[in-house]
């Protein structure tokens, strides 16, 4: 009798303020369901009293300790790129990495955020107007979401970002990939919001550790659809204000699940059961 042994997986998540993350439970539960020995650990910069300058040492330590790979979240998705040996075509095009695979002594960067957001958008907001959309944030997650939005048919995306150079860099990247003037650097937020069909928040403002809203709530209007990528908490202050106005909304849960589906497949080499992972995510509550 031949016994087929599935691989064991040791994975982790590097980021700041990630104690509420559901990613470890998503990965480990799916691993258990498939008979894979799957361990997933949090490497929380805040809990370890470290900052982003510790990223090179954390990657080296994980690689030496036999980790299969790492997920990367705020604030490390762009800072990790110079520390890698190669990038997938998606990660290279987007300019951000949320998954690092250790393979044959190499560090390979991938991006599963773009796929994750696009899947959530298609499932939750597939029929919304998308002529003009405002996006808050141009960081690593913002780059992935912006690529997904333009690929899903947004005609013009206005990027608002506290760092003007970062906003311009993302806009230049997007217009290279999708065509001239598909993305613009936002200048007048009030004016852009008044004309917008939709709003997407890709900043960390609204997370449990950074409460608040990324823009004044009075700029919301009932004809707007509003999407978040944050999922802890699942209902952010921005979504509460939007729902009170009657806006259609999309929380960050579906993106969280589907980026995890792809990351699980990269780490394990096995096909994930997306429906099972969605059900497990939902079972963890708000």
C-alpha atoms as a PDB file:
ATOM      1  CA  UNK A   1       0.000   0.000   0.000  1.00  0.00           C
ATOM      2  CA  UNK A   2       1.435   3.354  -1.072  1.00  0.00           C
ATOM      3  CA  UNK A   3       0.970   6.239   1.338  1.00  0.00           C
ATOM      4  CA  UNK A   4       0.980   9.671  -0.297  1.00  0.00           C
ATOM      5  CA  UNK A   5       2.379  12.166   2.169  1.00  0.00           C
ATOM      6  CA  UNK A   6       1.276  15.745   1.813  1.00  0.00           C
ATOM      7  CA  UNK A   7       3.827  18.448   2.620  1.00  0.00           C
ATOM      8  CA  UNK A   8       4.051  20.047   6.034  1.00  0.00           C
ATOM      9  CA  UNK A   9       3.848  23.843   6.087  1.00  0.00           C
ATOM     10  CA  UNK A  10       5.309  26.414   8.462  1.00  0.00           C
ATOM     11  CA  UNK A  11       4.106  29.887   7.537  1.00  0.00           C
ATOM     12  CA  UNK A  12       3.700  33.276   9.174  1.00  0.00           C
ATOM     13  CA  UNK A  13       2.476  36.843   8.854  1.00  0.00           C
ATOM     14  CA  UNK A  14       4.702  39.898   9.303  1.00  0.00           C
ATOM     15  CA  UNK A  15       2.972  43.194  10.035  1.00  0.00           C
ATOM     16  CA  UNK A  16       2.095  45.798  12.612  1.00  0.00           C
ATOM     17  CA  UNK A  17      -0.859  45.432  14.988  1.00  0.00           C
ATOM     18  CA  UNK A  18      -1.990  42.067  13.625  1.00  0.00           C
ATOM     19  CA  UNK A  19      -3.094  40.243  16.787  1.00  0.00           C
ATOM     20  CA  UNK A  20      -6.725  40.218  15.582  1.00  0.00           C
ATOM     21  CA  UNK A  21      -5.815  38.707  12.199  1.00  0.00           C
ATOM     22  CA  UNK A  22      -7.913  35.716  11.106  1.00  0.00           C
ATOM     23  CA  UNK A  23      -5.278  34.610   8.616  1.00  0.00           C
ATOM     24  CA  UNK A  24      -3.644  31.991  10.890  1.00  0.00           C
ATOM     25  CA  UNK A  25      -6.996  30.333  11.601  1.00  0.00           C
ATOM     26  CA  UNK A  26      -7.950  30.347   7.897  1.00  0.00           C
ATOM     27  CA  UNK A  27      -4.724  28.627   6.875  1.00  0.00           C
ATOM     28  CA  UNK A  28      -4.557  26.130   9.731  1.00  0.00           C
ATOM     29  CA  UNK A  29      -8.227  25.118   9.445  1.00  0.00           C
ATOM     30  CA  UNK A  30      -7.858  24.459   5.712  1.00  0.00           C
ATOM     31  CA  UNK A  31      -4.649  22.553   6.367  1.00  0.00           C
ATOM     32  CA  UNK A  32      -6.412  20.369   8.945  1.00  0.00           C
ATOM     33  CA  UNK A  33      -9.255  19.694   6.498  1.00  0.00           C
ATOM     34  CA  UNK A  34      -6.745  18.508   3.896  1.00  0.00           C
ATOM     35  CA  UNK A  35      -4.652  16.424   6.278  1.00  0.00           C
ATOM     36  CA  UNK A  36      -1.678  18.786   6.052  1.00  0.00           C
ATOM     37  CA  UNK A  37       0.518  19.518   9.085  1.00  0.00           C
ATOM     38  CA  UNK A  38       0.110  23.283   8.890  1.00  0.00           C
ATOM     39  CA  UNK A  39       1.408  25.816  11.424  1.00  0.00           C
ATOM     40  CA  UNK A  40       0.900  29.540  10.945  1.00  0.00           C
ATOM     41  CA  UNK A  41       2.460  32.110  13.275  1.00  0.00           C
ATOM     42  CA  UNK A  42       2.084  35.863  13.779  1.00  0.00           C
ATOM     43  CA  UNK A  43       5.229  38.004  13.676  1.00  0.00           C
ATOM     44  CA  UNK A  44       3.697  41.220  14.998  1.00  0.00           C
ATOM     45  CA  UNK A  45       6.112  44.157  14.938  1.00  0.00           C
ATOM     46  CA  UNK A  46       4.128  45.923  17.654  1.00  0.00           C
ATOM     47  CA  UNK A  47       4.021  42.930  19.984  1.00  0.00           C
ATOM     48  CA  UNK A  48       7.730  42.299  19.426  1.00  0.00           C
ATOM     49  CA  UNK A  49       8.486  45.992  20.015  1.00  0.00           C
ATOM     50  CA  UNK A  50      10.124  46.244  16.605  1.00  0.00           C
ATOM     51  CA  UNK A  51       9.643  48.487  13.585  1.00  0.00           C
ATOM     52  CA  UNK A  52      10.026  48.102   9.848  1.00  0.00           C
ATOM     53  CA  UNK A  53      13.833  48.212  10.122  1.00  0.00           C
ATOM     54  CA  UNK A  54      13.647  44.690  11.597  1.00  0.00           C
ATOM     55  CA  UNK A  55      12.214  43.295   8.342  1.00  0.00           C
ATOM     56  CA  UNK A  56      15.536  42.070   6.860  1.00  0.00           C
ATOM     57  CA  UNK A  57      16.384  40.155  10.045  1.00  0.00           C
ATOM     58  CA  UNK A  58      12.889  38.656  10.296  1.00  0.00           C
ATOM     59  CA  UNK A  59      13.037  37.356   6.708  1.00  0.00           C
ATOM     60  CA  UNK A  60      16.503  35.902   7.219  1.00  0.00           C
ATOM     61  CA  UNK A  61      15.490  34.238  10.485  1.00  0.00           C
ATOM     62  CA  UNK A  62      12.333  32.726   8.963  1.00  0.00           C
ATOM     63  CA  UNK A  63      14.248  31.388   5.986  1.00  0.00           C
ATOM     64  CA  UNK A  64      16.934  29.839   8.210  1.00  0.00           C
ATOM     65  CA  UNK A  65      14.303  28.293  10.502  1.00  0.00           C
ATOM     66  CA  UNK A  66      12.697  26.434   7.619  1.00  0.00           C
ATOM     67  CA  UNK A  67       9.573  28.504   7.053  1.00  0.00           C
ATOM     68  CA  UNK A  68       7.743  27.610   3.858  1.00  0.00           C
ATOM     69  CA  UNK A  69       6.809  31.242   3.346  1.00  0.00           C
ATOM     70  CA  UNK A  70       5.431  34.421   4.848  1.00  0.00           C
ATOM     71  CA  UNK A  71       2.503  36.714   4.281  1.00  0.00           C
ATOM     72  CA  UNK A  72       3.366  40.402   4.435  1.00  0.00           C
ATOM     73  CA  UNK A  73       1.018  43.167   5.519  1.00  0.00           C
ATOM     74  CA  UNK A  74       1.060  46.829   6.599  1.00  0.00           C
ATOM     75  CA  UNK A  75       3.549  48.509   6.656  1.00  0.00           C
ATOM     76  CA  UNK A  76       5.907  46.112   4.842  1.00  0.00           C
ATOM     77  CA  UNK A  77       4.380  45.300   1.434  1.00  0.00           C
ATOM     78  CA  UNK A  78       6.695  47.580  -0.535  1.00  0.00           C
ATOM     79  CA  UNK A  79       9.660  47.646   1.848  1.00  0.00           C
ATOM     80  CA  UNK A  80      10.051  43.870   1.423  1.00  0.00           C
ATOM     81  CA  UNK A  81      10.698  44.040  -2.337  1.00  0.00           C
ATOM     82  CA  UNK A  82      14.443  44.933  -2.228  1.00  0.00           C
ATOM     83  CA  UNK A  83      14.960  41.959   0.119  1.00  0.00           C
ATOM     84  CA  UNK A  84      13.672  39.398  -2.412  1.00  0.00           C
ATOM     85  CA  UNK A  85      15.395  37.425  -5.165  1.00  0.00           C
ATOM     86  CA  UNK A  86      12.542  37.477  -7.672  1.00  0.00           C
ATOM     87  CA  UNK A  87       8.942  38.585  -8.164  1.00  0.00           C
ATOM     88  CA  UNK A  88       5.944  36.997  -9.836  1.00  0.00           C
ATOM     89  CA  UNK A  89       4.630  38.911 -12.872  1.00  0.00           C
ATOM     90  CA  UNK A  90       1.668  40.160 -10.765  1.00  0.00           C
ATOM     91  CA  UNK A  91       3.861  41.433  -7.948  1.00  0.00           C
ATOM     92  CA  UNK A  92       6.274  43.070 -10.381  1.00  0.00           C
ATOM     93  CA  UNK A  93       3.472  44.849 -12.227  1.00  0.00           C
ATOM     94  CA  UNK A  94       1.727  46.015  -9.065  1.00  0.00           C
ATOM     95  CA  UNK A  95       4.885  46.981  -7.206  1.00  0.00           C
ATOM     96  CA  UNK A  96       3.825  45.366  -3.932  1.00  0.00           C
ATOM     97  CA  UNK A  97       4.189  41.954  -2.285  1.00  0.00           C
ATOM     98  CA  UNK A  98       1.936  40.291   0.286  1.00  0.00           C
ATOM     99  CA  UNK A  99       3.288  36.737   0.018  1.00  0.00           C
ATOM    100  CA  UNK A 100       6.884  35.506   0.062  1.00  0.00           C
ATOM    101  CA  UNK A 101       7.651  31.908  -0.865  1.00  0.00           C
ATOM    102  CA  UNK A 102      10.956  30.375   0.226  1.00  0.00           C
ATOM    103  CA  UNK A 103      11.958  27.861  -2.445  1.00  0.00           C
ATOM    104  CA  UNK A 104      15.324  26.360  -3.398  1.00  0.00           C
ATOM    105  CA  UNK A 105      17.139  28.971  -1.350  1.00  0.00           C
ATOM    106  CA  UNK A 106      15.312  31.807  -3.102  1.00  0.00           C
ATOM    107  CA  UNK A 107      12.800  34.367  -1.842  1.00  0.00           C
ATOM    108  CA  UNK A 108      10.018  34.811  -4.388  1.00  0.00           C
ATOM    109  CA  UNK A 109       7.506  37.628  -3.945  1.00  0.00           C
ATOM    110  CA  UNK A 110       3.860  37.233  -4.974  1.00  0.00           C
ATOM    111  CA  UNK A 111       0.768  39.408  -4.768  1.00  0.00           C
ATOM    112  CA  UNK A 112      -2.560  37.767  -3.905  1.00  0.00           C
ATOM    113  CA  UNK A 113      -4.241  41.001  -2.748  1.00  0.00           C
ATOM    114  CA  UNK A 114      -5.228  42.031  -6.273  1.00  0.00           C
ATOM    115  CA  UNK A 115      -6.988  38.749  -6.950  1.00  0.00           C
ATOM    116  CA  UNK A 116      -8.577  38.834  -3.498  1.00  0.00           C
ATOM    117  CA  UNK A 117     -10.067  42.310  -3.885  1.00  0.00           C
ATOM    118  CA  UNK A 118     -11.247  41.644  -7.445  1.00  0.00           C
ATOM    119  CA  UNK A 119     -13.088  38.501  -6.333  1.00  0.00           C
ATOM    120  CA  UNK A 120     -14.788  40.360  -3.499  1.00  0.00           C
ATOM    121  CA  UNK A 121     -15.735  43.228  -5.809  1.00  0.00           C
ATOM    122  CA  UNK A 122     -17.274  40.879  -8.371  1.00  0.00           C
ATOM    123  CA  UNK A 123     -19.252  39.065  -5.695  1.00  0.00           C
ATOM    124  CA  UNK A 124     -20.444  42.094  -3.735  1.00  0.00           C
ATOM    125  CA  UNK A 125     -20.557  45.077  -6.109  1.00  0.00           C
ATOM    126  CA  UNK A 126     -20.621  43.571  -9.577  1.00  0.00           C
ATOM    127  CA  UNK A 127     -23.388  45.778 -10.959  1.00  0.00           C
ATOM    128  CA  UNK A 128     -22.353  49.172  -9.539  1.00  0.00           C
ATOM    129  CA  UNK A 129     -21.527  52.209 -11.693  1.00  0.00           C
ATOM    130  CA  UNK A 130     -17.786  52.739 -12.037  1.00  0.00           C
ATOM    131  CA  UNK A 131     -17.229  55.855 -14.112  1.00  0.00           C
ATOM    132  CA  UNK A 132     -15.388  57.758 -11.360  1.00  0.00           C
ATOM    133  CA  UNK A 133     -14.013  56.213  -8.186  1.00  0.00           C
ATOM    134  CA  UNK A 134     -12.045  57.722  -5.314  1.00  0.00           C
ATOM    135  CA  UNK A 135      -9.390  55.621  -3.612  1.00  0.00           C
ATOM    136  CA  UNK A 136      -7.880  56.584  -0.275  1.00  0.00           C
ATOM    137  CA  UNK A 137      -4.283  55.398   0.015  1.00  0.00           C
ATOM    138  CA  UNK A 138      -1.467  54.449  -2.362  1.00  0.00           C
ATOM    139  CA  UNK A 139       0.513  51.989  -0.256  1.00  0.00           C
ATOM    140  CA  UNK A 140       1.140  48.330  -0.921  1.00  0.00           C
ATOM    141  CA  UNK A 141      -2.485  47.267  -0.520  1.00  0.00           C
ATOM    142  CA  UNK A 142      -3.599  50.383  -2.388  1.00  0.00           C
ATOM    143  CA  UNK A 143      -1.467  49.479  -5.392  1.00  0.00           C
ATOM    144  CA  UNK A 144      -3.029  46.010  -5.596  1.00  0.00           C
ATOM    145  CA  UNK A 145      -6.574  47.328  -5.170  1.00  0.00           C
ATOM    146  CA  UNK A 146      -6.051  50.060  -7.767  1.00  0.00           C
ATOM    147  CA  UNK A 147      -4.914  47.481 -10.328  1.00  0.00           C
ATOM    148  CA  UNK A 148      -7.978  45.382  -9.517  1.00  0.00           C
ATOM    149  CA  UNK A 149     -10.364  48.341  -9.834  1.00  0.00           C
ATOM    150  CA  UNK A 150      -9.098  49.378 -13.252  1.00  0.00           C
ATOM    151  CA  UNK A 151      -9.110  45.762 -14.433  1.00  0.00           C
ATOM    152  CA  UNK A 152     -12.741  45.555 -13.269  1.00  0.00           C
ATOM    153  CA  UNK A 153     -13.723  48.485 -15.476  1.00  0.00           C
ATOM    154  CA  UNK A 154     -13.355  51.643 -13.378  1.00  0.00           C
ATOM    155  CA  UNK A 155     -12.955  54.399 -15.967  1.00  0.00           C
ATOM    156  CA  UNK A 156     -11.076  56.923 -13.846  1.00  0.00           C
ATOM    157  CA  UNK A 157      -9.547  56.382 -10.428  1.00  0.00           C
ATOM    158  CA  UNK A 158      -8.593  59.372  -8.273  1.00  0.00           C
ATOM    159  CA  UNK A 159      -5.860  58.479  -5.774  1.00  0.00           C
ATOM    160  CA  UNK A 160      -5.669  60.470  -2.541  1.00  0.00           C
ATOM    161  CA  UNK A 161      -2.545  59.885  -0.461  1.00  0.00           C
ATOM    162  CA  UNK A 162      -0.688  61.823   2.253  1.00  0.00           C
ATOM    163  CA  UNK A 163       2.601  61.239   0.374  1.00  0.00           C
ATOM    164  CA  UNK A 164       2.301  63.036  -2.997  1.00  0.00           C
ATOM    165  CA  UNK A 165       5.328  61.251  -4.498  1.00  0.00           C
ATOM    166  CA  UNK A 166       3.881  57.849  -3.645  1.00  0.00           C
ATOM    167  CA  UNK A 167       0.523  58.829  -5.170  1.00  0.00           C
ATOM    168  CA  UNK A 168       2.223  59.996  -8.371  1.00  0.00           C
ATOM    169  CA  UNK A 169       4.277  56.821  -8.567  1.00  0.00           C
ATOM    170  CA  UNK A 170       1.176  54.658  -8.363  1.00  0.00           C
ATOM    171  CA  UNK A 171      -0.695  56.776 -10.902  1.00  0.00           C
ATOM    172  CA  UNK A 172       2.214  56.532 -13.352  1.00  0.00           C
ATOM    173  CA  UNK A 173       2.318  52.762 -12.894  1.00  0.00           C
ATOM    174  CA  UNK A 174      -1.433  52.418 -13.447  1.00  0.00           C
ATOM    175  CA  UNK A 175      -1.478  54.584 -16.565  1.00  0.00           C
ATOM    176  CA  UNK A 176       1.409  52.587 -18.025  1.00  0.00           C
ATOM    177  CA  UNK A 177      -0.588  49.386 -17.595  1.00  0.00           C
ATOM    178  CA  UNK A 178      -4.137  50.592 -18.309  1.00  0.00           C
ATOM    179  CA  UNK A 179      -3.855  53.689 -20.513  1.00  0.00           C
ATOM    180  CA  UNK A 180      -3.419  57.409 -20.168  1.00  0.00           C
ATOM    181  CA  UNK A 181      -5.585  59.229 -17.603  1.00  0.00           C
ATOM    182  CA  UNK A 182      -7.213  56.066 -16.233  1.00  0.00           C
ATOM    183  CA  UNK A 183      -5.714  57.160 -12.896  1.00  0.00           C
ATOM    184  CA  UNK A 184      -5.078  60.647 -11.545  1.00  0.00           C
ATOM    185  CA  UNK A 185      -3.600  62.087  -8.382  1.00  0.00           C
ATOM    186  CA  UNK A 186      -6.479  63.458  -6.333  1.00  0.00           C
ATOM    187  CA  UNK A 187      -6.351  67.177  -5.596  1.00  0.00           C
ATOM    188  CA  UNK A 188      -9.728  68.347  -4.282  1.00  0.00           C
ATOM    189  CA  UNK A 189     -11.302  65.628  -2.147  1.00  0.00           C
ATOM    190  CA  UNK A 190     -14.643  67.368  -1.684  1.00  0.00           C
ATOM    191  CA  UNK A 191     -15.056  67.903  -5.425  1.00  0.00           C
ATOM    192  CA  UNK A 192     -13.942  64.368  -6.282  1.00  0.00           C
ATOM    193  CA  UNK A 193     -16.330  62.835  -3.771  1.00  0.00           C
ATOM    194  CA  UNK A 194     -19.279  64.839  -5.035  1.00  0.00           C
ATOM    195  CA  UNK A 195     -18.727  63.438  -8.544  1.00  0.00           C
ATOM    196  CA  UNK A 196     -17.762  59.893  -7.526  1.00  0.00           C
ATOM    197  CA  UNK A 197     -19.713  56.692  -8.039  1.00  0.00           C
ATOM    198  CA  UNK A 198     -17.634  54.821  -5.490  1.00  0.00           C
ATOM    199  CA  UNK A 199     -15.112  55.110  -2.674  1.00  0.00           C
ATOM    200  CA  UNK A 200     -12.484  52.568  -1.624  1.00  0.00           C
ATOM    201  CA  UNK A 201     -10.426  52.839   1.544  1.00  0.00           C
ATOM    202  CA  UNK A 202      -7.022  51.153   1.362  1.00  0.00           C
ATOM    203  CA  UNK A 203      -5.450  53.057   4.262  1.00  0.00           C
ATOM    204  CA  UNK A 204      -5.111  51.483   7.724  1.00  0.00           C
ATOM    205  CA  UNK A 205      -7.409  54.132   9.203  1.00  0.00           C
ATOM    206  CA  UNK A 206     -10.380  52.264  10.624  1.00  0.00           C
ATOM    207  CA  UNK A 207      -8.421  49.304  11.963  1.00  0.00           C
ATOM    208  CA  UNK A 208      -8.829  48.466  15.631  1.00  0.00           C
ATOM    209  CA  UNK A 209      -5.417  50.015  16.319  1.00  0.00           C
ATOM    210  CA  UNK A 210      -6.138  53.106  14.175  1.00  0.00           C
ATOM    211  CA  UNK A 211      -9.804  54.029  14.749  1.00  0.00           C
ATOM    212  CA  UNK A 212     -11.494  56.764  12.765  1.00  0.00           C
ATOM    213  CA  UNK A 213     -12.359  57.429   9.144  1.00  0.00           C
ATOM    214  CA  UNK A 214      -9.959  58.170   6.254  1.00  0.00           C
ATOM    215  CA  UNK A 215     -12.018  61.191   5.181  1.00  0.00           C
ATOM    216  CA  UNK A 216     -14.711  63.403   6.749  1.00  0.00           C
ATOM    217  CA  UNK A 217     -17.969  61.376   6.866  1.00  0.00           C
ATOM    218  CA  UNK A 218     -19.941  64.385   5.660  1.00  0.00           C
ATOM    219  CA  UNK A 219     -18.378  63.875   2.197  1.00  0.00           C
ATOM    220  CA  UNK A 220     -20.311  60.626   1.791  1.00  0.00           C
ATOM    221  CA  UNK A 221     -23.604  60.687  -0.137  1.00  0.00           C
ATOM    222  CA  UNK A 222     -26.314  58.086  -0.595  1.00  0.00           C
ATOM    223  CA  UNK A 223     -25.625  57.475  -4.304  1.00  0.00           C
ATOM    224  CA  UNK A 224     -22.124  56.265  -3.432  1.00  0.00           C
ATOM    225  CA  UNK A 225     -20.917  52.694  -3.022  1.00  0.00           C
ATOM    226  CA  UNK A 226     -18.201  52.209  -0.415  1.00  0.00           C
ATOM    227  CA  UNK A 227     -15.634  49.412  -0.126  1.00  0.00           C
ATOM    228  CA  UNK A 228     -13.154  48.601   2.636  1.00  0.00           C
ATOM    229  CA  UNK A 229     -10.176  46.264   2.731  1.00  0.00           C
ATOM    230  CA  UNK A 230      -9.985  46.298   6.547  1.00  0.00           C
ATOM    231  CA  UNK A 231     -11.600  43.329   8.275  1.00  0.00           C
ATOM    232  CA  UNK A 232     -10.677  43.821  11.913  1.00  0.00           C
ATOM    233  CA  UNK A 233     -13.123  45.201  12.709  1.00  0.00           C
ATOM    234  CA  UNK A 234     -15.324  43.906   9.899  1.00  0.00           C
ATOM    235  CA  UNK A 235     -17.596  46.944  10.199  1.00  0.00           C
ATOM    236  CA  UNK A 236     -15.369  50.022  10.290  1.00  0.00           C
ATOM    237  CA  UNK A 237     -16.542  53.498  11.214  1.00  0.00           C
ATOM    238  CA  UNK A 238     -16.519  54.380   7.499  1.00  0.00           C
ATOM    239  CA  UNK A 239     -18.872  51.506   6.687  1.00  0.00           C
ATOM    240  CA  UNK A 240     -21.171  52.423   9.581  1.00  0.00           C
ATOM    241  CA  UNK A 241     -21.532  55.964   8.255  1.00  0.00           C
ATOM    242  CA  UNK A 242     -22.047  54.702   4.696  1.00  0.00           C
ATOM    243  CA  UNK A 243     -24.707  52.172   5.690  1.00  0.00           C
ATOM    244  CA  UNK A 244     -26.531  54.795   7.735  1.00  0.00           C
ATOM    245  CA  UNK A 245     -26.876  56.818   4.518  1.00  0.00           C
ATOM    246  CA  UNK A 246     -28.138  53.799   2.588  1.00  0.00           C
ATOM    247  CA  UNK A 247     -24.962  53.298   0.533  1.00  0.00           C
ATOM    248  CA  UNK A 248     -24.121  49.903  -0.872  1.00  0.00           C
ATOM    249  CA  UNK A 249     -21.055  48.612   0.935  1.00  0.00           C
ATOM    250  CA  UNK A 250     -18.392  45.923   0.757  1.00  0.00           C
ATOM    251  CA  UNK A 251     -16.382  44.939   3.823  1.00  0.00           C
ATOM    252  CA  UNK A 252     -12.873  43.502   3.746  1.00  0.00           C
ATOM    253  CA  UNK A 253     -13.863  39.927   4.519  1.00  0.00           C
ATOM    254  CA  UNK A 254     -14.003  38.545   0.990  1.00  0.00           C
ATOM    255  CA  UNK A 255     -10.638  40.046   0.062  1.00  0.00           C
ATOM    256  CA  UNK A 256      -9.163  38.539   3.226  1.00  0.00           C
ATOM    257  CA  UNK A 257     -10.466  35.088   2.341  1.00  0.00           C
ATOM    258  CA  UNK A 258      -9.508  35.032  -1.319  1.00  0.00           C
ATOM    259  CA  UNK A 259      -6.004  36.413  -0.843  1.00  0.00           C
ATOM    260  CA  UNK A 260      -5.603  33.647   1.774  1.00  0.00           C
ATOM    261  CA  UNK A 261      -6.910  31.020  -0.672  1.00  0.00           C
ATOM    262  CA  UNK A 262      -4.151  31.837  -3.151  1.00  0.00           C
ATOM    263  CA  UNK A 263      -1.472  32.147  -0.467  1.00  0.00           C
ATOM    264  CA  UNK A 264      -2.483  28.750   0.942  1.00  0.00           C
ATOM    265  CA  UNK A 265      -2.051  27.227  -2.508  1.00  0.00           C
ATOM    266  CA  UNK A 266       1.375  28.825  -2.927  1.00  0.00           C
ATOM    267  CA  UNK A 267       2.559  27.564   0.463  1.00  0.00           C
ATOM    268  CA  UNK A 268       1.068  24.071   0.337  1.00  0.00           C
ATOM    269  CA  UNK A 269       1.034  23.220  -3.362  1.00  0.00           C
ATOM    270  CA  UNK A 270      -2.554  22.011  -2.852  1.00  0.00           C
ATOM    271  CA  UNK A 271      -5.839  23.442  -4.158  1.00  0.00           C
ATOM    272  CA  UNK A 272      -7.763  25.254  -1.430  1.00  0.00           C
ATOM    273  CA  UNK A 273     -11.514  24.868  -0.899  1.00  0.00           C
ATOM    274  CA  UNK A 274     -12.580  28.509  -1.167  1.00  0.00           C
ATOM    275  CA  UNK A 275     -16.118  27.833   0.036  1.00  0.00           C
ATOM    276  CA  UNK A 276     -14.859  26.051   3.128  1.00  0.00           C
ATOM    277  CA  UNK A 277     -12.480  28.933   3.892  1.00  0.00           C
ATOM    278  CA  UNK A 278     -15.327  31.440   3.467  1.00  0.00           C
ATOM    279  CA  UNK A 279     -17.523  29.457   5.837  1.00  0.00           C
ATOM    280  CA  UNK A 280     -14.745  29.280   8.417  1.00  0.00           C
ATOM    281  CA  UNK A 281     -14.112  33.020   8.153  1.00  0.00           C
ATOM    282  CA  UNK A 282     -17.832  33.696   8.716  1.00  0.00           C
ATOM    283  CA  UNK A 283     -17.904  31.350  11.715  1.00  0.00           C
ATOM    284  CA  UNK A 284     -15.350  33.559  13.500  1.00  0.00           C
ATOM    285  CA  UNK A 285     -17.944  36.360  13.871  1.00  0.00           C
ATOM    286  CA  UNK A 286     -17.638  40.106  13.339  1.00  0.00           C
END
